[in-house]
């Protein structure tokens, strides 16, 4: 028997610095409709209630913008993922901004508390900031720091208000207390736009980053095989795919923080499919499609759907 796929639609963009990623899911659905593809009629889905109206509120924390609402929203995502995993669904989470990944990771860990979770982070950015180190205060750059429960105080540049500290501690304890993953069980693919505090963390925590040039030089298959060997002790794997991992000049600028010299969609499909073949993947998330910024019509959403359609048919998860 196979576990049925459930599409979890999470239209939140309150963790981003630029509005519009909340429209990404609809843009992906439009891409499917325009291709006469019935993908979104084939699977059950649910919508996660958002807190997007909070963008009209005055920011209470410059260094962790709208953190109280992000905490609330990540808790909702956590519950949705947890509920669907417990019901023997395979959640494919379609999200707005990347802060939601903390909710997804927390939901997975809440179900598999005794198992070791590996994370494949396909992204142009490391997302290892905390409120203490973030130059922007945008929480979509912080989910992995919260997930590993590490503030990186050695590189602190911000003085944080007591209320913000309290909310940040809540973020780190969503779903179940403490760290959800170990830094050694995170593997980056395509990270190439980072700040000094993140670089220090990557080096200190020895997080492996397979850069685009290395993958093309050594071969994609070899690098993914190596990554899976590194995560061999992990019983389960979560894949987080940020569309800015793709080359903005080649694909589109339809994402909040576009970065050149990234992957093409075929490389992304190959990476994800090879990881799926490990039979350890329990959840996949797509994030950061922003149609308001697209310089080629709906190209980014069309490309994201191409990836989604190509990898979904490879998901085969036995019911335990």
Protein backbone atom coordinates (compact mmCIF):
# COMPACT_ATOMS: atom_id res chain seq x y z
CA UNK A 1 0.00 0.00 0.00
CA UNK A 2 1.04 3.58 -0.54
CA UNK A 3 0.50 6.68 1.51
CA UNK A 4 -1.86 9.13 -0.22
CA UNK A 5 -0.61 12.60 -1.07
CA UNK A 6 -2.23 15.62 0.60
CA UNK A 7 -1.59 19.13 -0.71
CA UNK A 8 -1.27 21.61 2.16
CA UNK A 9 -1.80 25.15 0.90
CA UNK A 10 -0.13 27.73 3.10
CA UNK A 11 -0.60 31.23 1.67
CA UNK A 12 1.36 33.11 4.32
CA UNK A 13 3.95 35.75 3.41
CA UNK A 14 4.32 37.57 6.74
CA UNK A 15 7.87 36.33 7.24
CA UNK A 16 9.10 37.92 4.02
CA UNK A 17 10.35 41.41 3.35
CA UNK A 18 8.50 41.78 0.05
CA UNK A 19 4.79 41.13 -0.34
CA UNK A 20 3.41 38.73 -2.91
CA UNK A 21 4.53 35.20 -2.08
CA UNK A 22 1.07 34.59 -0.62
CA UNK A 23 -0.12 34.60 -4.25
CA UNK A 24 2.39 31.97 -5.31
CA UNK A 25 0.13 28.97 -4.72
CA UNK A 26 -2.64 30.41 -6.88
CA UNK A 27 -0.06 31.23 -9.55
CA UNK A 28 1.11 27.59 -9.53
CA UNK A 29 -2.50 26.42 -9.86
CA UNK A 30 -3.02 28.82 -12.77
CA UNK A 31 0.07 27.37 -14.42
CA UNK A 32 -1.48 23.90 -14.16
CA UNK A 33 -4.82 25.11 -15.55
CA UNK A 34 -3.11 26.81 -18.50
CA UNK A 35 -1.38 23.53 -19.30
CA UNK A 36 -4.71 21.64 -19.14
CA UNK A 37 -3.18 19.62 -16.33
CA UNK A 38 -5.61 18.26 -13.75
CA UNK A 39 -2.93 17.91 -11.04
CA UNK A 40 -4.85 19.88 -8.42
CA UNK A 41 -7.98 17.80 -8.94
CA UNK A 42 -6.13 14.57 -8.31
CA UNK A 43 -5.24 15.06 -4.66
CA UNK A 44 -6.98 16.03 -1.45
CA UNK A 45 -5.97 19.41 -0.11
CA UNK A 46 -6.43 21.72 2.82
CA UNK A 47 -5.84 25.41 3.40
CA UNK A 48 -3.95 26.69 6.42
CA UNK A 49 -5.51 29.80 7.92
CA UNK A 50 -3.12 32.74 7.50
CA UNK A 51 -2.36 35.90 9.44
CA UNK A 52 -1.52 37.99 6.38
CA UNK A 53 -3.53 40.95 7.62
CA UNK A 54 -0.76 41.52 10.16
CA UNK A 55 1.31 43.22 7.43
CA UNK A 56 -0.84 46.29 8.13
CA UNK A 57 0.25 46.36 11.75
CA UNK A 58 3.15 48.44 12.93
CA UNK A 59 6.13 46.14 13.46
CA UNK A 60 6.66 45.54 17.16
CA UNK A 61 10.18 44.21 16.59
CA UNK A 62 12.58 45.67 14.05
CA UNK A 63 14.83 42.62 14.30
CA UNK A 64 12.11 39.95 14.02
CA UNK A 65 9.24 41.51 12.10
CA UNK A 66 5.75 40.30 13.03
CA UNK A 67 7.31 37.53 15.10
CA UNK A 68 4.25 37.03 17.28
CA UNK A 69 2.14 36.33 14.19
CA UNK A 70 4.83 34.15 12.60
CA UNK A 71 4.87 32.05 15.78
CA UNK A 72 1.12 31.68 15.59
CA UNK A 73 1.21 30.80 11.92
CA UNK A 74 4.08 28.31 12.18
CA UNK A 75 2.10 26.63 14.96
CA UNK A 76 -0.83 26.24 12.56
CA UNK A 77 1.45 24.77 9.88
CA UNK A 78 2.95 22.44 12.48
CA UNK A 79 -0.51 21.18 13.41
CA UNK A 80 -1.55 20.70 9.76
CA UNK A 81 1.58 18.69 8.93
CA UNK A 82 1.35 16.65 12.14
CA UNK A 83 -2.34 15.87 11.59
CA UNK A 84 -1.77 14.71 8.02
CA UNK A 85 1.25 12.57 8.83
CA UNK A 86 -0.70 10.90 11.63
CA UNK A 87 -3.52 10.25 9.15
CA UNK A 88 -0.99 8.47 6.88
CA UNK A 89 -0.88 11.20 4.26
CA UNK A 90 2.28 12.39 2.53
CA UNK A 91 2.12 16.21 2.86
CA UNK A 92 3.29 18.33 -0.03
CA UNK A 93 3.31 21.80 1.50
CA UNK A 94 2.95 24.72 -0.89
CA UNK A 95 3.94 27.82 1.04
CA UNK A 96 4.45 31.53 0.63
CA UNK A 97 7.57 32.64 2.46
CA UNK A 98 10.18 30.27 3.87
CA UNK A 99 9.56 30.99 7.57
CA UNK A 100 6.82 28.34 7.37
CA UNK A 101 9.49 25.64 7.06
CA UNK A 102 9.93 25.85 10.82
CA UNK A 103 6.28 24.89 11.23
CA UNK A 104 6.67 22.02 8.79
CA UNK A 105 9.83 20.70 10.48
CA UNK A 106 8.16 21.02 13.89
CA UNK A 107 5.12 19.10 12.69
CA UNK A 108 7.29 16.28 11.34
CA UNK A 109 9.29 16.06 14.56
CA UNK A 110 6.12 16.09 16.68
CA UNK A 111 5.09 12.86 14.95
CA UNK A 112 8.53 11.23 14.73
CA UNK A 113 9.96 12.33 18.08
CA UNK A 114 12.18 9.28 18.45
CA UNK A 115 13.53 9.31 14.91
CA UNK A 116 16.42 11.33 13.49
CA UNK A 117 15.30 13.88 10.90
CA UNK A 118 17.51 14.88 7.99
CA UNK A 119 16.86 18.10 6.08
CA UNK A 120 17.69 18.76 2.44
CA UNK A 121 17.58 22.55 1.99
CA UNK A 122 17.53 23.54 -1.70
CA UNK A 123 17.94 27.30 -1.61
CA UNK A 124 20.10 30.25 -2.57
CA UNK A 125 20.12 31.29 1.09
CA UNK A 126 21.24 29.60 4.30
CA UNK A 127 18.34 30.92 6.43
CA UNK A 128 20.55 30.63 9.52
CA UNK A 129 19.99 34.09 10.97
CA UNK A 130 18.38 34.77 14.32
CA UNK A 131 16.88 38.03 15.63
CA UNK A 132 20.29 38.67 17.17
CA UNK A 133 22.12 38.55 13.81
CA UNK A 134 19.59 39.41 11.10
CA UNK A 135 20.34 42.60 9.14
CA UNK A 136 16.76 42.76 7.83
CA UNK A 137 14.59 41.31 10.59
CA UNK A 138 12.73 39.19 8.04
CA UNK A 139 11.95 35.83 9.62
CA UNK A 140 12.07 33.90 6.35
CA UNK A 141 15.83 34.10 6.90
CA UNK A 142 15.63 32.42 10.32
CA UNK A 143 13.81 29.05 10.17
CA UNK A 144 16.87 26.82 10.39
CA UNK A 145 18.32 28.70 13.37
CA UNK A 146 15.03 28.17 15.17
CA UNK A 147 14.94 24.51 14.12
CA UNK A 148 18.42 23.83 15.51
CA UNK A 149 17.74 26.16 18.49
CA UNK A 150 20.89 28.21 17.97
CA UNK A 151 21.03 32.00 18.35
CA UNK A 152 24.61 32.52 17.06
CA UNK A 153 25.30 35.04 19.81
CA UNK A 154 28.98 35.18 18.84
CA UNK A 155 27.90 37.36 15.91
CA UNK A 156 25.21 39.37 17.67
CA UNK A 157 24.61 42.78 16.12
CA UNK A 158 21.10 43.54 17.44
CA UNK A 159 19.84 44.35 20.91
CA UNK A 160 16.60 42.42 21.30
CA UNK A 161 13.60 43.50 23.35
CA UNK A 162 12.43 41.17 26.11
CA UNK A 163 9.12 40.54 24.33
CA UNK A 164 10.93 39.53 21.15
CA UNK A 165 13.17 37.16 23.10
CA UNK A 166 10.07 35.52 24.53
CA UNK A 167 8.51 35.07 21.10
CA UNK A 168 11.76 33.71 19.68
CA UNK A 169 11.88 31.14 22.47
CA UNK A 170 8.32 30.14 21.57
CA UNK A 171 9.42 29.69 17.95
CA UNK A 172 12.19 27.33 19.00
CA UNK A 173 9.74 25.19 20.96
CA UNK A 174 6.86 24.81 18.49
CA UNK A 175 5.57 21.24 18.22
CA UNK A 176 7.91 19.76 20.81
CA UNK A 177 10.51 21.27 23.14
CA UNK A 178 13.99 22.10 21.95
CA UNK A 179 15.89 21.53 18.74
CA UNK A 180 14.06 19.62 16.01
CA UNK A 181 17.17 18.78 14.01
CA UNK A 182 20.92 18.63 14.47
CA UNK A 183 23.00 20.93 12.30
CA UNK A 184 25.02 17.93 11.12
CA UNK A 185 21.81 16.56 9.57
CA UNK A 186 21.22 19.60 7.35
CA UNK A 187 22.54 19.53 3.80
CA UNK A 188 22.39 22.53 1.52
CA UNK A 189 22.05 22.44 -2.23
CA UNK A 190 22.74 25.68 -4.10
CA UNK A 191 23.32 28.11 -1.21
CA UNK A 192 25.30 31.05 -2.59
CA UNK A 193 23.99 34.29 -1.02
CA UNK A 194 24.92 34.51 2.65
CA UNK A 195 26.06 36.99 5.30
CA UNK A 196 29.04 36.73 7.62
CA UNK A 197 27.12 35.38 10.66
CA UNK A 198 25.68 32.59 8.50
CA UNK A 199 29.06 31.77 6.98
CA UNK A 200 30.49 31.45 10.47
CA UNK A 201 27.67 29.12 11.49
CA UNK A 202 28.03 26.97 8.39
CA UNK A 203 31.75 26.58 9.09
CA UNK A 204 31.41 26.10 12.84
CA UNK A 205 28.53 23.62 12.57
CA UNK A 206 30.09 21.92 9.53
CA UNK A 207 26.94 22.08 7.42
CA UNK A 208 27.64 20.63 3.98
CA UNK A 209 26.79 22.92 1.07
CA UNK A 210 26.75 21.46 -2.43
CA UNK A 211 27.19 24.52 -4.62
CA UNK A 212 25.97 24.64 -8.19
CA UNK A 213 29.45 24.61 -9.71
CA UNK A 214 30.54 21.64 -7.61
CA UNK A 215 27.47 19.64 -8.59
CA UNK A 216 28.02 20.33 -12.27
CA UNK A 217 31.74 19.50 -12.00
CA UNK A 218 31.48 16.33 -9.91
CA UNK A 219 28.06 15.24 -11.31
CA UNK A 220 24.69 15.65 -9.72
CA UNK A 221 24.20 11.95 -9.08
CA UNK A 222 27.52 11.68 -7.25
CA UNK A 223 26.79 14.64 -4.99
CA UNK A 224 23.29 13.46 -4.09
CA UNK A 225 24.59 9.95 -3.38
CA UNK A 226 27.22 11.48 -1.11
CA UNK A 227 24.55 13.55 0.68
CA UNK A 228 22.39 10.48 1.26
CA UNK A 229 25.39 8.61 2.68
CA UNK A 230 25.96 11.51 5.09
CA UNK A 231 22.30 11.21 6.16
CA UNK A 232 22.34 7.41 6.26
CA UNK A 233 21.72 7.44 10.02
CA UNK A 234 18.58 9.57 9.56
CA UNK A 235 15.41 7.50 9.45
CA UNK A 236 13.37 10.26 7.81
CA UNK A 237 14.07 13.20 5.46
CA UNK A 238 12.31 16.49 4.73
CA UNK A 239 13.00 18.36 1.47
CA UNK A 240 12.58 22.14 1.39
CA UNK A 241 12.68 23.67 -2.10
CA UNK A 242 12.96 27.44 -2.39
CA UNK A 243 12.53 28.52 -6.01
CA UNK A 244 15.30 31.09 -5.61
CA UNK A 245 17.69 28.14 -5.73
CA UNK A 246 17.12 28.36 -9.49
CA UNK A 247 18.94 30.82 -11.71
CA UNK A 248 16.89 34.02 -11.84
CA UNK A 249 18.43 35.07 -15.16
CA UNK A 250 17.61 31.73 -16.73
CA UNK A 251 14.17 31.17 -15.17
CA UNK A 252 12.59 34.34 -13.77
CA UNK A 253 12.82 37.03 -11.11
CA UNK A 254 9.48 35.89 -9.68
CA UNK A 255 10.72 35.33 -6.14
CA UNK A 256 11.40 37.60 -3.18
CA UNK A 257 15.20 37.39 -3.22
CA UNK A 258 16.36 36.28 -6.69
CA UNK A 259 20.00 35.21 -7.10
CA UNK A 260 21.83 34.45 -10.37
CA UNK A 261 24.00 31.43 -11.18
CA UNK A 262 21.61 28.87 -9.77
CA UNK A 263 20.15 25.56 -10.89
CA UNK A 264 17.83 24.98 -13.79
CA UNK A 265 14.54 23.15 -13.23
CA UNK A 266 15.85 19.85 -14.60
CA UNK A 267 18.64 19.77 -12.02
CA UNK A 268 16.12 20.46 -9.26
CA UNK A 269 13.90 17.62 -10.50
CA UNK A 270 16.87 15.25 -10.63
CA UNK A 271 18.03 16.19 -7.10
CA UNK A 272 14.59 15.75 -5.55
CA UNK A 273 13.79 12.54 -7.39
CA UNK A 274 17.06 10.91 -6.40
CA UNK A 275 16.41 11.77 -2.75
CA UNK A 276 12.84 10.45 -3.00
CA UNK A 277 14.29 7.15 -4.20
CA UNK A 278 15.84 6.72 -0.74
CA UNK A 279 12.29 5.98 0.52
CA UNK A 280 13.02 8.14 3.57
CA UNK A 281 11.26 11.33 2.49
CA UNK A 282 8.12 12.05 4.55
CA UNK A 283 7.33 15.62 3.44
CA UNK A 284 8.28 18.09 0.69
CA UNK A 285 7.75 21.86 0.73
CA UNK A 286 7.79 24.42 -2.11
CA UNK A 287 8.27 28.10 -1.16
CA UNK A 288 8.79 31.68 -2.31
CA UNK A 289 7.05 31.90 -5.71
CA UNK A 290 6.14 35.59 -6.02
CA UNK A 291 4.15 36.35 -9.19
CA UNK A 292 4.12 40.09 -8.45
CA UNK A 293 7.85 40.20 -9.13
CA UNK A 294 7.87 37.96 -12.20
CA UNK A 295 9.52 39.63 -15.19
CA UNK A 296 8.34 36.89 -17.55
CA UNK A 297 4.60 36.70 -16.95
CA UNK A 298 3.95 33.66 -14.76
CA UNK A 299 7.22 31.91 -15.58
CA UNK A 300 8.39 31.14 -12.05
CA UNK A 301 5.09 29.53 -11.11
CA UNK A 302 5.07 27.59 -14.37
CA UNK A 303 8.56 26.30 -13.64
CA UNK A 304 7.67 25.46 -10.03
CA UNK A 305 4.69 23.49 -11.29
CA UNK A 306 6.91 21.68 -13.78
CA UNK A 307 9.05 20.54 -10.85
CA UNK A 308 6.02 19.69 -8.71
CA UNK A 309 4.39 17.62 -11.44
CA UNK A 310 7.63 15.78 -12.22
CA UNK A 311 8.45 14.77 -8.66
CA UNK A 312 4.99 13.90 -7.37
CA UNK A 313 4.66 10.76 -9.47
CA UNK A 314 7.87 9.44 -7.86
CA UNK A 315 6.53 9.60 -4.32
CA UNK A 316 5.84 6.09 -3.06
CA UNK A 317 5.68 5.79 0.71
CA UNK A 318 4.64 2.53 2.39
CA UNK A 319 2.07 2.82 5.18
CA UNK A 320 3.69 1.62 8.39
